[in-house]
């Protein structure tokens, strides 16, 4: 994902203040800038890292817990055009989860006598 350095973080508990979130993600690498949005019980952040390797490490934080909430960490919308252009490398990345197989139609429910019910 060449040139992509910004993540969006969702599901941040309201008790987590900006400097604590910055400290949490600074273990991934140097942060260039961070925008923290707090609206009542809905908190989110956009974090831009200096290096792409830091960005990739931050994506691995998806699902990490902070104050009992599981964080959602994704590629920031502002990076989508770059990420789409890098689609072959993204698809090969271990950061992309394997999709679930399609659901199969269920068979008719049988009655106690072994026949399909109406």
PDB file of N, CA and C in Angstrom:
ATOM      1  N   UNK A   1       0.844  -1.178   0.000  1.00  0.00           N
ATOM      2  CA  UNK A   1       0.000   0.000   0.000  1.00  0.00           C
ATOM      3  C   UNK A   1       0.888   1.240   0.000  1.00  0.00           C
ATOM      4  N   UNK A   2       1.565   1.422  -1.054  1.00  0.00           N
ATOM      5  CA  UNK A   2       2.518   2.511  -1.173  1.00  0.00           C
ATOM      6  C   UNK A   2       1.834   3.864  -1.000  1.00  0.00           C
ATOM      7  N   UNK A   3       2.392   4.699  -0.150  1.00  0.00           N
ATOM      8  CA  UNK A   3       1.887   6.060   0.037  1.00  0.00           C
ATOM      9  C   UNK A   3       0.714   6.201   0.984  1.00  0.00           C
ATOM     10  N   UNK A   4       0.247   5.107   1.561  1.00  0.00           N
ATOM     11  CA  UNK A   4      -0.894   5.162   2.473  1.00  0.00           C
ATOM     12  C   UNK A   4      -0.357   5.209   3.896  1.00  0.00           C
ATOM     13  N   UNK A   5      -0.725   6.258   4.641  1.00  0.00           N
ATOM     14  CA  UNK A   5      -0.194   6.405   5.999  1.00  0.00           C
ATOM     15  C   UNK A   5      -1.252   6.792   7.036  1.00  0.00           C
ATOM     16  N   UNK A   6      -2.532   6.835   6.651  1.00  0.00           N
ATOM     17  CA  UNK A   6      -3.571   7.324   7.563  1.00  0.00           C
ATOM     18  C   UNK A   6      -4.621   6.261   7.832  1.00  0.00           C
ATOM     19  N   UNK A   7      -4.946   6.083   9.114  1.00  0.00           N
ATOM     20  CA  UNK A   7      -6.002   5.154   9.531  1.00  0.00           C
ATOM     21  C   UNK A   7      -7.145   5.933  10.166  1.00  0.00           C
ATOM     22  N   UNK A   8      -8.318   5.327  10.137  1.00  0.00           N
ATOM     23  CA  UNK A   8      -9.467   5.821  10.887  1.00  0.00           C
ATOM     24  C   UNK A   8      -9.733   4.822  11.995  1.00  0.00           C
ATOM     25  N   UNK A   9     -10.040   5.340  13.176  1.00  0.00           N
ATOM     26  CA  UNK A   9     -10.278   4.493  14.350  1.00  0.00           C
ATOM     27  C   UNK A   9     -11.678   4.790  14.865  1.00  0.00           C
ATOM     28  N   UNK A  10     -12.453   3.725  15.062  1.00  0.00           N
ATOM     29  CA  UNK A  10     -13.827   3.851  15.541  1.00  0.00           C
ATOM     30  C   UNK A  10     -14.020   3.003  16.795  1.00  0.00           C
ATOM     31  N   UNK A  11     -15.163   3.218  17.437  1.00  0.00           N
ATOM     32  CA  UNK A  11     -15.543   2.481  18.648  1.00  0.00           C
ATOM     33  C   UNK A  11     -14.631   2.811  19.830  1.00  0.00           C
ATOM     34  N   UNK A  12     -14.212   4.057  19.891  1.00  0.00           N
ATOM     35  CA  UNK A  12     -13.371   4.523  20.998  1.00  0.00           C
ATOM     36  C   UNK A  12     -14.285   4.860  22.173  1.00  0.00           C
ATOM     37  N   UNK A  13     -14.036   4.286  23.336  1.00  0.00           N
ATOM     38  CA  UNK A  13     -14.874   4.608  24.494  1.00  0.00           C
ATOM     39  C   UNK A  13     -14.772   6.097  24.847  1.00  0.00           C
ATOM     40  N   UNK A  14     -15.861   6.711  25.260  1.00  0.00           N
ATOM     41  CA  UNK A  14     -15.853   8.141  25.578  1.00  0.00           C
ATOM     42  C   UNK A  14     -14.890   8.527  26.695  1.00  0.00           C
ATOM     43  N   UNK A  15     -14.547   7.584  27.573  1.00  0.00           N
ATOM     44  CA  UNK A  15     -13.629   7.892  28.677  1.00  0.00           C
ATOM     45  C   UNK A  15     -12.176   8.005  28.207  1.00  0.00           C
ATOM     46  N   UNK A  16     -11.878   7.555  26.992  1.00  0.00           N
ATOM     47  CA  UNK A  16     -10.508   7.604  26.478  1.00  0.00           C
ATOM     48  C   UNK A  16     -10.255   8.991  25.888  1.00  0.00           C
ATOM     49  N   UNK A  17      -9.367   9.740  26.532  1.00  0.00           N
ATOM     50  CA  UNK A  17      -9.061  11.097  26.078  1.00  0.00           C
ATOM     51  C   UNK A  17      -8.010  11.057  24.962  1.00  0.00           C
ATOM     52  N   UNK A  18      -7.883  12.161  24.252  1.00  0.00           N
ATOM     53  CA  UNK A  18      -7.018  12.226  23.074  1.00  0.00           C
ATOM     54  C   UNK A  18      -5.568  11.837  23.365  1.00  0.00           C
ATOM     55  N   UNK A  19      -4.983  12.357  24.431  1.00  0.00           N
ATOM     56  CA  UNK A  19      -3.569  12.054  24.688  1.00  0.00           C
ATOM     57  C   UNK A  19      -3.364  10.574  25.016  1.00  0.00           C
ATOM     58  N   UNK A  20      -4.373   9.931  25.601  1.00  0.00           N
ATOM     59  CA  UNK A  20      -4.263   8.493  25.887  1.00  0.00           C
ATOM     60  C   UNK A  20      -4.324   7.678  24.594  1.00  0.00           C
ATOM     61  N   UNK A  21      -5.201   8.086  23.682  1.00  0.00           N
ATOM     62  CA  UNK A  21      -5.293   7.393  22.395  1.00  0.00           C
ATOM     63  C   UNK A  21      -4.001   7.580  21.600  1.00  0.00           C
ATOM     64  N   UNK A  22      -3.456   8.791  21.653  1.00  0.00           N
ATOM     65  CA  UNK A  22      -2.184   9.074  20.977  1.00  0.00           C
ATOM     66  C   UNK A  22      -1.088   8.160  21.535  1.00  0.00           C
ATOM     67  N   UNK A  23      -1.035   8.013  22.844  1.00  0.00           N
ATOM     68  CA  UNK A  23      -0.051   7.136  23.467  1.00  0.00           C
ATOM     69  C   UNK A  23      -0.251   5.685  23.060  1.00  0.00           C
ATOM     70  N   UNK A  24      -1.500   5.273  22.964  1.00  0.00           N
ATOM     71  CA  UNK A  24      -1.833   3.900  22.575  1.00  0.00           C
ATOM     72  C   UNK A  24      -1.307   3.591  21.177  1.00  0.00           C
ATOM     73  N   UNK A  25      -1.499   4.526  20.232  1.00  0.00           N
ATOM     74  CA  UNK A  25      -1.079   4.302  18.846  1.00  0.00           C
ATOM     75  C   UNK A  25       0.359   4.715  18.577  1.00  0.00           C
ATOM     76  N   UNK A  26       0.980   5.457  19.467  1.00  0.00           N
ATOM     77  CA  UNK A  26       2.375   5.860  19.236  1.00  0.00           C
ATOM     78  C   UNK A  26       3.319   4.667  19.300  1.00  0.00           C
ATOM     79  N   UNK A  27       2.876   3.565  19.896  1.00  0.00           N
ATOM     80  CA  UNK A  27       3.714   2.358  19.900  1.00  0.00           C
ATOM     81  C   UNK A  27       3.867   1.789  18.486  1.00  0.00           C
ATOM     82  N   UNK A  28       2.993   2.215  17.551  1.00  0.00           N
ATOM     83  CA  UNK A  28       3.101   1.774  16.154  1.00  0.00           C
ATOM     84  C   UNK A  28       4.181   2.562  15.417  1.00  0.00           C
ATOM     85  N   UNK A  29       4.444   3.778  15.881  1.00  0.00           N
ATOM     86  CA  UNK A  29       5.436   4.635  15.236  1.00  0.00           C
ATOM     87  C   UNK A  29       5.072   6.102  15.421  1.00  0.00           C
ATOM     88  N   UNK A  30       5.893   6.956  14.834  1.00  0.00           N
ATOM     89  CA  UNK A  30       5.710   8.401  14.993  1.00  0.00           C
ATOM     90  C   UNK A  30       4.437   8.881  14.298  1.00  0.00           C
ATOM     91  N   UNK A  31       3.643   9.635  15.032  1.00  0.00           N
ATOM     92  CA  UNK A  31       2.384  10.179  14.518  1.00  0.00           C
ATOM     93  C   UNK A  31       2.637  11.587  13.983  1.00  0.00           C
ATOM     94  N   UNK A  32       2.251  11.815  12.730  1.00  0.00           N
ATOM     95  CA  UNK A  32       2.393  13.149  12.127  1.00  0.00           C
ATOM     96  C   UNK A  32       1.290  14.078  12.648  1.00  0.00           C
ATOM     97  N   UNK A  33       0.062  13.590  12.600  1.00  0.00           N
ATOM     98  CA  UNK A  33      -1.066  14.367  13.142  1.00  0.00           C
ATOM     99  C   UNK A  33      -2.219  13.439  13.470  1.00  0.00           C
ATOM    100  N   UNK A  34      -3.059  13.932  14.355  1.00  0.00           N
ATOM    101  CA  UNK A  34      -4.208  13.147  14.798  1.00  0.00           C
ATOM    102  C   UNK A  34      -5.398  14.069  14.972  1.00  0.00           C
ATOM    103  N   UNK A  35      -6.532  13.650  14.456  1.00  0.00           N
ATOM    104  CA  UNK A  35      -7.785  14.393  14.644  1.00  0.00           C
ATOM    105  C   UNK A  35      -8.710  13.496  15.459  1.00  0.00           C
ATOM    106  N   UNK A  36      -9.135  14.003  16.607  1.00  0.00           N
ATOM    107  CA  UNK A  36      -9.978  13.239  17.532  1.00  0.00           C
ATOM    108  C   UNK A  36     -11.361  13.872  17.541  1.00  0.00           C
ATOM    109  N   UNK A  37     -12.373  13.095  17.183  1.00  0.00           N
ATOM    110  CA  UNK A  37     -13.755  13.589  17.156  1.00  0.00           C
ATOM    111  C   UNK A  37     -14.539  12.948  18.277  1.00  0.00           C
ATOM    112  N   UNK A  38     -15.076  13.794  19.127  1.00  0.00           N
ATOM    113  CA  UNK A  38     -15.859  13.301  20.261  1.00  0.00           C
ATOM    114  C   UNK A  38     -17.231  13.970  20.208  1.00  0.00           C
ATOM    115  N   UNK A  39     -18.248  13.138  19.994  1.00  0.00           N
ATOM    116  CA  UNK A  39     -19.627  13.628  19.980  1.00  0.00           C
ATOM    117  C   UNK A  39     -20.452  12.723  20.888  1.00  0.00           C
ATOM    118  N   UNK A  40     -20.604  13.133  22.120  1.00  0.00           N
ATOM    119  CA  UNK A  40     -21.355  12.323  23.076  1.00  0.00           C
ATOM    120  C   UNK A  40     -20.686  10.985  23.314  1.00  0.00           C
ATOM    121  N   UNK A  41     -21.411   9.907  23.027  1.00  0.00           N
ATOM    122  CA  UNK A  41     -20.858   8.570  23.231  1.00  0.00           C
ATOM    123  C   UNK A  41     -20.214   8.007  21.968  1.00  0.00           C
ATOM    124  N   UNK A  42     -20.141   8.805  20.925  1.00  0.00           N
ATOM    125  CA  UNK A  42     -19.536   8.352  19.675  1.00  0.00           C
ATOM    126  C   UNK A  42     -18.193   9.041  19.492  1.00  0.00           C
ATOM    127  N   UNK A  43     -17.102   8.284  19.612  1.00  0.00           N
ATOM    128  CA  UNK A  43     -15.764   8.843  19.475  1.00  0.00           C
ATOM    129  C   UNK A  43     -15.033   8.136  18.339  1.00  0.00           C
ATOM    130  N   UNK A  44     -14.314   8.931  17.547  1.00  0.00           N
ATOM    131  CA  UNK A  44     -13.541   8.397  16.431  1.00  0.00           C
ATOM    132  C   UNK A  44     -12.291   9.251  16.276  1.00  0.00           C
ATOM    133  N   UNK A  45     -11.326   8.732  15.538  1.00  0.00           N
ATOM    134  CA  UNK A  45     -10.084   9.476  15.304  1.00  0.00           C
ATOM    135  C   UNK A  45      -9.532   9.135  13.924  1.00  0.00           C
ATOM    136  N   UNK A  46      -8.801  10.099  13.373  1.00  0.00           N
ATOM    137  CA  UNK A  46      -8.033   9.890  12.152  1.00  0.00           C
ATOM    138  C   UNK A  46      -6.585  10.129  12.543  1.00  0.00           C
ATOM    139  N   UNK A  47      -5.731   9.142  12.259  1.00  0.00           N
ATOM    140  CA  UNK A  47      -4.326   9.225  12.673  1.00  0.00           C
ATOM    141  C   UNK A  47      -3.442   9.058  11.448  1.00  0.00           C
ATOM    142  N   UNK A  48      -2.601  10.068  11.204  1.00  0.00           N
ATOM    143  CA  UNK A  48      -1.644  10.003  10.095  1.00  0.00           C
ATOM    144  C   UNK A  48      -0.263   9.727  10.675  1.00  0.00           C
ATOM    145  N   UNK A  49       0.385   8.708  10.156  1.00  0.00           N
ATOM    146  CA  UNK A  49       1.716   8.327  10.609  1.00  0.00           C
ATOM    147  C   UNK A  49       2.780   8.876   9.661  1.00  0.00           C
ATOM    148  N   UNK A  50       3.995   9.045  10.162  1.00  0.00           N
ATOM    149  CA  UNK A  50       5.111   9.532   9.359  1.00  0.00           C
ATOM    150  C   UNK A  50       5.525   8.464   8.349  1.00  0.00           C
ATOM    151  N   UNK A  51       5.539   7.206   8.790  1.00  0.00           N
ATOM    152  CA  UNK A  51       6.008   6.124   7.919  1.00  0.00           C
ATOM    153  C   UNK A  51       4.895   5.132   7.611  1.00  0.00           C
ATOM    154  N   UNK A  52       4.976   4.562   6.429  1.00  0.00           N
ATOM    155  CA  UNK A  52       3.997   3.565   6.011  1.00  0.00           C
ATOM    156  C   UNK A  52       4.044   2.327   6.904  1.00  0.00           C
ATOM    157  N   UNK A  53       5.217   1.941   7.356  1.00  0.00           N
ATOM    158  CA  UNK A  53       5.334   0.766   8.239  1.00  0.00           C
ATOM    159  C   UNK A  53       4.556   0.985   9.541  1.00  0.00           C
ATOM    160  N   UNK A  54       4.510   2.224  10.011  1.00  0.00           N
ATOM    161  CA  UNK A  54       3.740   2.547  11.223  1.00  0.00           C
ATOM    162  C   UNK A  54       2.244   2.410  10.951  1.00  0.00           C
ATOM    163  N   UNK A  55       1.831   2.872   9.768  1.00  0.00           N
ATOM    164  CA  UNK A  55       0.441   2.735   9.338  1.00  0.00           C
ATOM    165  C   UNK A  55       0.040   1.255   9.314  1.00  0.00           C
ATOM    166  N   UNK A  56       0.905   0.421   8.729  1.00  0.00           N
ATOM    167  CA  UNK A  56       0.610  -1.006   8.644  1.00  0.00           C
ATOM    168  C   UNK A  56       0.520  -1.641  10.031  1.00  0.00           C
ATOM    169  N   UNK A  57       1.382  -1.216  10.927  1.00  0.00           N
ATOM    170  CA  UNK A  57       1.330  -1.711  12.306  1.00  0.00           C
ATOM    171  C   UNK A  57       0.022  -1.272  12.976  1.00  0.00           C
ATOM    172  N   UNK A  58      -0.416  -0.046  12.701  1.00  0.00           N
ATOM    173  CA  UNK A  58      -1.675   0.451  13.276  1.00  0.00           C
ATOM    174  C   UNK A  58      -2.858  -0.381  12.782  1.00  0.00           C
ATOM    175  N   UNK A  59      -2.835  -0.786  11.514  1.00  0.00           N
ATOM    176  CA  UNK A  59      -3.926  -1.627  11.001  1.00  0.00           C
ATOM    177  C   UNK A  59      -4.010  -2.948  11.760  1.00  0.00           C
ATOM    178  N   UNK A  60      -2.869  -3.433  12.219  1.00  0.00           N
ATOM    179  CA  UNK A  60      -2.851  -4.673  13.006  1.00  0.00           C
ATOM    180  C   UNK A  60      -3.495  -4.490  14.379  1.00  0.00           C
ATOM    181  N   UNK A  61      -3.716  -3.232  14.763  1.00  0.00           N
ATOM    182  CA  UNK A  61      -4.361  -2.939  16.050  1.00  0.00           C
ATOM    183  C   UNK A  61      -5.883  -3.098  15.962  1.00  0.00           C
ATOM    184  N   UNK A  62      -6.389  -3.377  14.761  1.00  0.00           N
ATOM    185  CA  UNK A  62      -7.822  -3.616  14.607  1.00  0.00           C
ATOM    186  C   UNK A  62      -8.227  -4.746  15.542  1.00  0.00           C
ATOM    187  N   UNK A  63      -9.230  -4.492  16.367  1.00  0.00           N
ATOM    188  CA  UNK A  63      -9.687  -5.498  17.319  1.00  0.00           C
ATOM    189  C   UNK A  63      -9.030  -5.392  18.689  1.00  0.00           C
ATOM    190  N   UNK A  64      -8.003  -4.531  18.807  1.00  0.00           N
ATOM    191  CA  UNK A  64      -7.361  -4.344  20.111  1.00  0.00           C
ATOM    192  C   UNK A  64      -8.372  -3.738  21.075  1.00  0.00           C
ATOM    193  N   UNK A  65      -8.238  -4.087  22.348  1.00  0.00           N
ATOM    194  CA  UNK A  65      -9.173  -3.590  23.353  1.00  0.00           C
ATOM    195  C   UNK A  65      -8.597  -2.421  24.122  1.00  0.00           C
ATOM    196  N   UNK A  66      -9.457  -1.438  24.355  1.00  0.00           N
ATOM    197  CA  UNK A  66      -9.107  -0.322  25.219  1.00  0.00           C
ATOM    198  C   UNK A  66     -10.349  -0.010  26.058  1.00  0.00           C
ATOM    199  N   UNK A  67     -10.189  -0.041  27.357  1.00  0.00           N
ATOM    200  CA  UNK A  67     -11.299   0.174  28.300  1.00  0.00           C
ATOM    201  C   UNK A  67     -12.514  -0.697  27.987  1.00  0.00           C
ATOM    202  N   UNK A  68     -12.267  -1.947  27.601  1.00  0.00           N
ATOM    203  CA  UNK A  68     -13.356  -2.888  27.358  1.00  0.00           C
ATOM    204  C   UNK A  68     -14.021  -2.781  25.998  1.00  0.00           C
ATOM    205  N   UNK A  69     -13.570  -1.868  25.146  1.00  0.00           N
ATOM    206  CA  UNK A  69     -14.141  -1.732  23.805  1.00  0.00           C
ATOM    207  C   UNK A  69     -13.138  -2.214  22.766  1.00  0.00           C
ATOM    208  N   UNK A  70     -13.639  -2.924  21.777  1.00  0.00           N
ATOM    209  CA  UNK A  70     -12.799  -3.419  20.693  1.00  0.00           C
ATOM    210  C   UNK A  70     -12.708  -2.337  19.617  1.00  0.00           C
ATOM    211  N   UNK A  71     -11.495  -1.839  19.385  1.00  0.00           N
ATOM    212  CA  UNK A  71     -11.298  -0.781  18.401  1.00  0.00           C
ATOM    213  C   UNK A  71     -11.461  -1.301  16.977  1.00  0.00           C
ATOM    214  N   UNK A  72     -11.993  -0.452  16.130  1.00  0.00           N
ATOM    215  CA  UNK A  72     -12.095  -0.741  14.703  1.00  0.00           C
ATOM    216  C   UNK A  72     -11.098   0.185  14.012  1.00  0.00           C
ATOM    217  N   UNK A  73     -10.089  -0.394  13.366  1.00  0.00           N
ATOM    218  CA  UNK A  73      -9.032   0.376  12.703  1.00  0.00           C
ATOM    219  C   UNK A  73      -9.041   0.005  11.232  1.00  0.00           C
ATOM    220  N   UNK A  74      -9.274   1.007  10.369  1.00  0.00           N
ATOM    221  CA  UNK A  74      -9.352   0.771   8.930  1.00  0.00           C
ATOM    222  C   UNK A  74      -8.546   1.823   8.175  1.00  0.00           C
ATOM    223  N   UNK A  75      -8.338   1.582   6.888  1.00  0.00           N
ATOM    224  CA  UNK A  75      -7.692   2.570   6.017  1.00  0.00           C
ATOM    225  C   UNK A  75      -8.603   3.790   5.969  1.00  0.00           C
ATOM    226  N   UNK A  76      -8.047   4.977   6.194  1.00  0.00           N
ATOM    227  CA  UNK A  76      -8.846   6.206   6.184  1.00  0.00           C
ATOM    228  C   UNK A  76      -9.410   6.469   4.794  1.00  0.00           C
ATOM    229  N   UNK A  77     -10.601   7.046   4.740  1.00  0.00           N
ATOM    230  CA  UNK A  77     -11.266   7.333   3.469  1.00  0.00           C
ATOM    231  C   UNK A  77     -10.394   8.169   2.540  1.00  0.00           C
ATOM    232  N   UNK A  78      -9.615   9.083   3.093  1.00  0.00           N
ATOM    233  CA  UNK A  78      -8.757   9.928   2.262  1.00  0.00           C
ATOM    234  C   UNK A  78      -7.685   9.129   1.533  1.00  0.00           C
ATOM    235  N   UNK A  79      -7.437   7.896   1.974  1.00  0.00           N
ATOM    236  CA  UNK A  79      -6.439   7.019   1.350  1.00  0.00           C
ATOM    237  C   UNK A  79      -7.039   6.020   0.376  1.00  0.00           C
ATOM    238  N   UNK A  80      -8.352   6.012   0.211  1.00  0.00           N
ATOM    239  CA  UNK A  80      -8.977   4.960  -0.571  1.00  0.00           C
ATOM    240  C   UNK A  80      -8.519   4.913  -2.021  1.00  0.00           C
ATOM    241  N   UNK A  81      -8.351   6.062  -2.667  1.00  0.00           N
ATOM    242  CA  UNK A  81      -7.930   6.035  -4.069  1.00  0.00           C
ATOM    243  C   UNK A  81      -6.545   5.418  -4.200  1.00  0.00           C
ATOM    244  N   UNK A  82      -5.644   5.717  -3.275  1.00  0.00           N
ATOM    245  CA  UNK A  82      -4.313   5.119  -3.296  1.00  0.00           C
ATOM    246  C   UNK A  82      -4.400   3.633  -2.986  1.00  0.00           C
ATOM    247  N   UNK A  83      -5.249   3.280  -2.033  1.00  0.00           N
ATOM    248  CA  UNK A  83      -5.395   1.874  -1.661  1.00  0.00           C
ATOM    249  C   UNK A  83      -5.982   1.061  -2.805  1.00  0.00           C
ATOM    250  N   UNK A  84      -6.961   1.620  -3.520  1.00  0.00           N
ATOM    251  CA  UNK A  84      -7.564   0.913  -4.649  1.00  0.00           C
ATOM    252  C   UNK A  84      -6.539   0.718  -5.755  1.00  0.00           C
ATOM    253  N   UNK A  85      -5.706   1.728  -5.994  1.00  0.00           N
ATOM    254  CA  UNK A  85      -4.662   1.612  -7.013  1.00  0.00           C
ATOM    255  C   UNK A  85      -3.662   0.521  -6.633  1.00  0.00           C
ATOM    256  N   UNK A  86      -3.532   0.237  -5.358  1.00  0.00           N
ATOM    257  CA  UNK A  86      -2.611  -0.796  -4.869  1.00  0.00           C
ATOM    258  C   UNK A  86      -3.327  -2.120  -4.627  1.00  0.00           C
ATOM    259  N   UNK A  87      -4.513  -2.290  -5.203  1.00  0.00           N
ATOM    260  CA  UNK A  87      -5.345  -3.462  -4.917  1.00  0.00           C
ATOM    261  C   UNK A  87      -4.613  -4.791  -5.004  1.00  0.00           C
ATOM    262  N   UNK A  88      -3.788  -5.058  -6.017  1.00  0.00           N
ATOM    263  CA  UNK A  88      -3.113  -6.361  -6.035  1.00  0.00           C
ATOM    264  C   UNK A  88      -2.244  -6.593  -4.792  1.00  0.00           C
ATOM    265  N   UNK A  89      -1.543  -5.561  -4.342  1.00  0.00           N
ATOM    266  CA  UNK A  89      -0.710  -5.749  -3.156  1.00  0.00           C
ATOM    267  C   UNK A  89      -1.558  -5.830  -1.890  1.00  0.00           C
ATOM    268  N   UNK A  90      -2.689  -5.162  -1.876  1.00  0.00           N
ATOM    269  CA  UNK A  90      -3.575  -5.231  -0.721  1.00  0.00           C
ATOM    270  C   UNK A  90      -4.154  -6.638  -0.612  1.00  0.00           C
ATOM    271  N   UNK A  91      -4.579  -7.203  -1.743  1.00  0.00           N
ATOM    272  CA  UNK A  91      -5.182  -8.535  -1.725  1.00  0.00           C
ATOM    273  C   UNK A  91      -4.189  -9.584  -1.225  1.00  0.00           C
ATOM    274  N   UNK A  92      -2.912  -9.372  -1.488  1.00  0.00           N
ATOM    275  CA  UNK A  92      -1.886 -10.321  -1.050  1.00  0.00           C
ATOM    276  C   UNK A  92      -1.452 -10.079   0.385  1.00  0.00           C
ATOM    277  N   UNK A  93      -1.893  -8.969   0.962  1.00  0.00           N
ATOM    278  CA  UNK A  93      -1.475  -8.595   2.302  1.00  0.00           C
ATOM    279  C   UNK A  93      -2.117  -9.487   3.359  1.00  0.00           C
ATOM    280  N   UNK A  94      -1.352  -9.846   4.409  1.00  0.00           N
ATOM    281  CA  UNK A  94      -1.950 -10.630   5.499  1.00  0.00           C
ATOM    282  C   UNK A  94      -2.944  -9.804   6.315  1.00  0.00           C
ATOM    283  N   UNK A  95      -3.013  -8.491   6.057  1.00  0.00           N
ATOM    284  CA  UNK A  95      -3.942  -7.639   6.793  1.00  0.00           C
ATOM    285  C   UNK A  95      -5.366  -7.795   6.285  1.00  0.00           C
ATOM    286  N   UNK A  96      -5.522  -8.373   5.089  1.00  0.00           N
ATOM    287  CA  UNK A  96      -6.847  -8.556   4.512  1.00  0.00           C
ATOM    288  C   UNK A  96      -7.370  -9.913   4.951  1.00  0.00           C
ATOM    289  N   UNK A  97      -8.524  -9.918   5.542  1.00  0.00           N
ATOM    290  CA  UNK A  97      -9.099 -11.166   6.030  1.00  0.00           C
ATOM    291  C   UNK A  97      -9.741 -11.930   4.882  1.00  0.00           C
ATOM    292  N   UNK A  98      -9.695 -13.244   4.972  1.00  0.00           N
ATOM    293  CA  UNK A  98     -10.312 -14.091   3.965  1.00  0.00           C
ATOM    294  C   UNK A  98     -11.820 -14.003   4.115  1.00  0.00           C
ATOM    295  N   UNK A  99     -12.530 -13.754   2.997  1.00  0.00           N
ATOM    296  CA  UNK A  99     -13.987 -13.655   3.094  1.00  0.00           C
ATOM    297  C   UNK A  99     -14.606 -15.001   3.433  1.00  0.00           C
ATOM    298  N   UNK A 100     -15.750 -14.960   4.070  1.00  0.00           N
ATOM    299  CA  UNK A 100     -16.483 -16.177   4.403  1.00  0.00           C
ATOM    300  C   UNK A 100     -17.098 -16.753   3.138  1.00  0.00           C
ATOM    301  N   UNK A 101     -17.270 -18.067   3.074  1.00  0.00           N
ATOM    302  CA  UNK A 101     -17.924 -18.656   1.896  1.00  0.00           C
ATOM    303  C   UNK A 101     -19.383 -18.228   1.859  1.00  0.00           C
ATOM    304  N   UNK A 102     -19.995 -18.214   0.659  1.00  0.00           N
ATOM    305  CA  UNK A 102     -21.404 -17.803   0.571  1.00  0.00           C
ATOM    306  C   UNK A 102     -22.300 -18.789   1.324  1.00  0.00           C
ATOM    307  N   UNK A 103     -23.398 -18.272   1.837  1.00  0.00           N
ATOM    308  CA  UNK A 103     -24.357 -19.125   2.541  1.00  0.00           C
ATOM    309  C   UNK A 103     -25.065 -20.023   1.547  1.00  0.00           C
ATOM    310  N   UNK A 104     -25.300 -21.254   1.942  1.00  0.00           N
ATOM    311  CA  UNK A 104     -26.037 -22.202   1.108  1.00  0.00           C
ATOM    312  C   UNK A 104     -27.497 -22.165   1.526  1.00  0.00           C
ATOM    313  N   UNK A 105     -28.414 -22.300   0.562  1.00  0.00           N
ATOM    314  CA  UNK A 105     -29.838 -22.307   0.938  1.00  0.00           C
ATOM    315  C   UNK A 105     -30.120 -23.508   1.842  1.00  0.00           C
ATOM    316  N   UNK A 106     -30.959 -23.277   2.836  1.00  0.00           N
ATOM    317  CA  UNK A 106     -31.283 -24.367   3.755  1.00  0.00           C
ATOM    318  C   UNK A 106     -32.352 -25.262   3.138  1.00  0.00           C
ATOM    319  N   UNK A 107     -32.339 -26.525   3.517  1.00  0.00           N
ATOM    320  CA  UNK A 107     -33.356 -27.454   3.021  1.00  0.00           C
ATOM    321  C   UNK A 107     -34.638 -27.245   3.818  1.00  0.00           C
ATOM    322  N   UNK A 108     -35.715 -27.774   3.284  1.00  0.00           N
ATOM    323  CA  UNK A 108     -37.015 -27.628   3.954  1.00  0.00           C
ATOM    324  C   UNK A 108     -36.971 -28.306   5.311  1.00  0.00           C
ATOM    325  N   UNK A 109     -37.650 -27.746   6.274  1.00  0.00           N
ATOM    326  CA  UNK A 109     -37.722 -28.321   7.619  1.00  0.00           C
ATOM    327  C   UNK A 109     -38.647 -29.523   7.573  1.00  0.00           C
ATOM    328  N   UNK A 110     -38.178 -30.639   8.121  1.00  0.00           N
ATOM    329  CA  UNK A 110     -38.989 -31.852   8.109  1.00  0.00           C
ATOM    330  C   UNK A 110     -39.848 -31.943   9.356  1.00  0.00           C
ATOM    331  N   UNK A 111     -41.052 -32.507   9.187  1.00  0.00           N
ATOM    332  CA  UNK A 111     -41.935 -32.786  10.315  1.00  0.00           C
ATOM    333  C   UNK A 111     -41.411 -34.000  11.063  1.00  0.00           C
ATOM    334  N   UNK A 112     -42.063 -34.324  12.171  1.00  0.00           N
ATOM    335  CA  UNK A 112     -41.689 -35.493  12.957  1.00  0.00           C
ATOM    336  C   UNK A 112     -41.751 -36.770  12.150  1.00  0.00           C
ATOM    337  N   UNK A 113     -42.652 -36.814  11.115  1.00  0.00           N
ATOM    338  CA  UNK A 113     -42.798 -38.037  10.322  1.00  0.00           C
ATOM    339  C   UNK A 113     -41.793 -38.105   9.180  1.00  0.00           C
ATOM    340  N   UNK A 114     -40.850 -37.158   9.111  1.00  0.00           N
ATOM    341  CA  UNK A 114     -39.814 -37.185   8.106  1.00  0.00           C
ATOM    342  C   UNK A 114     -40.178 -36.499   6.801  1.00  0.00           C
ATOM    343  N   UNK A 115     -41.381 -35.935   6.714  1.00  0.00           N
ATOM    344  CA  UNK A 115     -41.799 -35.246   5.498  1.00  0.00           C
ATOM    345  C   UNK A 115     -41.679 -33.749   5.686  1.00  0.00           C
ATOM    346  N   UNK A 116     -41.460 -33.065   4.581  1.00  0.00           N
ATOM    347  CA  UNK A 116     -41.356 -31.600   4.624  1.00  0.00           C
ATOM    348  C   UNK A 116     -42.694 -31.028   5.074  1.00  0.00           C
ATOM    349  N   UNK A 117     -42.629 -30.051   5.972  1.00  0.00           N
ATOM    350  CA  UNK A 117     -43.864 -29.436   6.478  1.00  0.00           C
ATOM    351  C   UNK A 117     -44.421 -28.399   5.525  1.00  0.00           C
ATOM    352  N   UNK A 118     -45.730 -28.147   5.617  1.00  0.00           N
ATOM    353  CA  UNK A 118     -46.376 -27.145   4.766  1.00  0.00           C
ATOM    354  C   UNK A 118     -46.743 -25.940   5.537  1.00  0.00           C
TER     355      UNK A 118
END
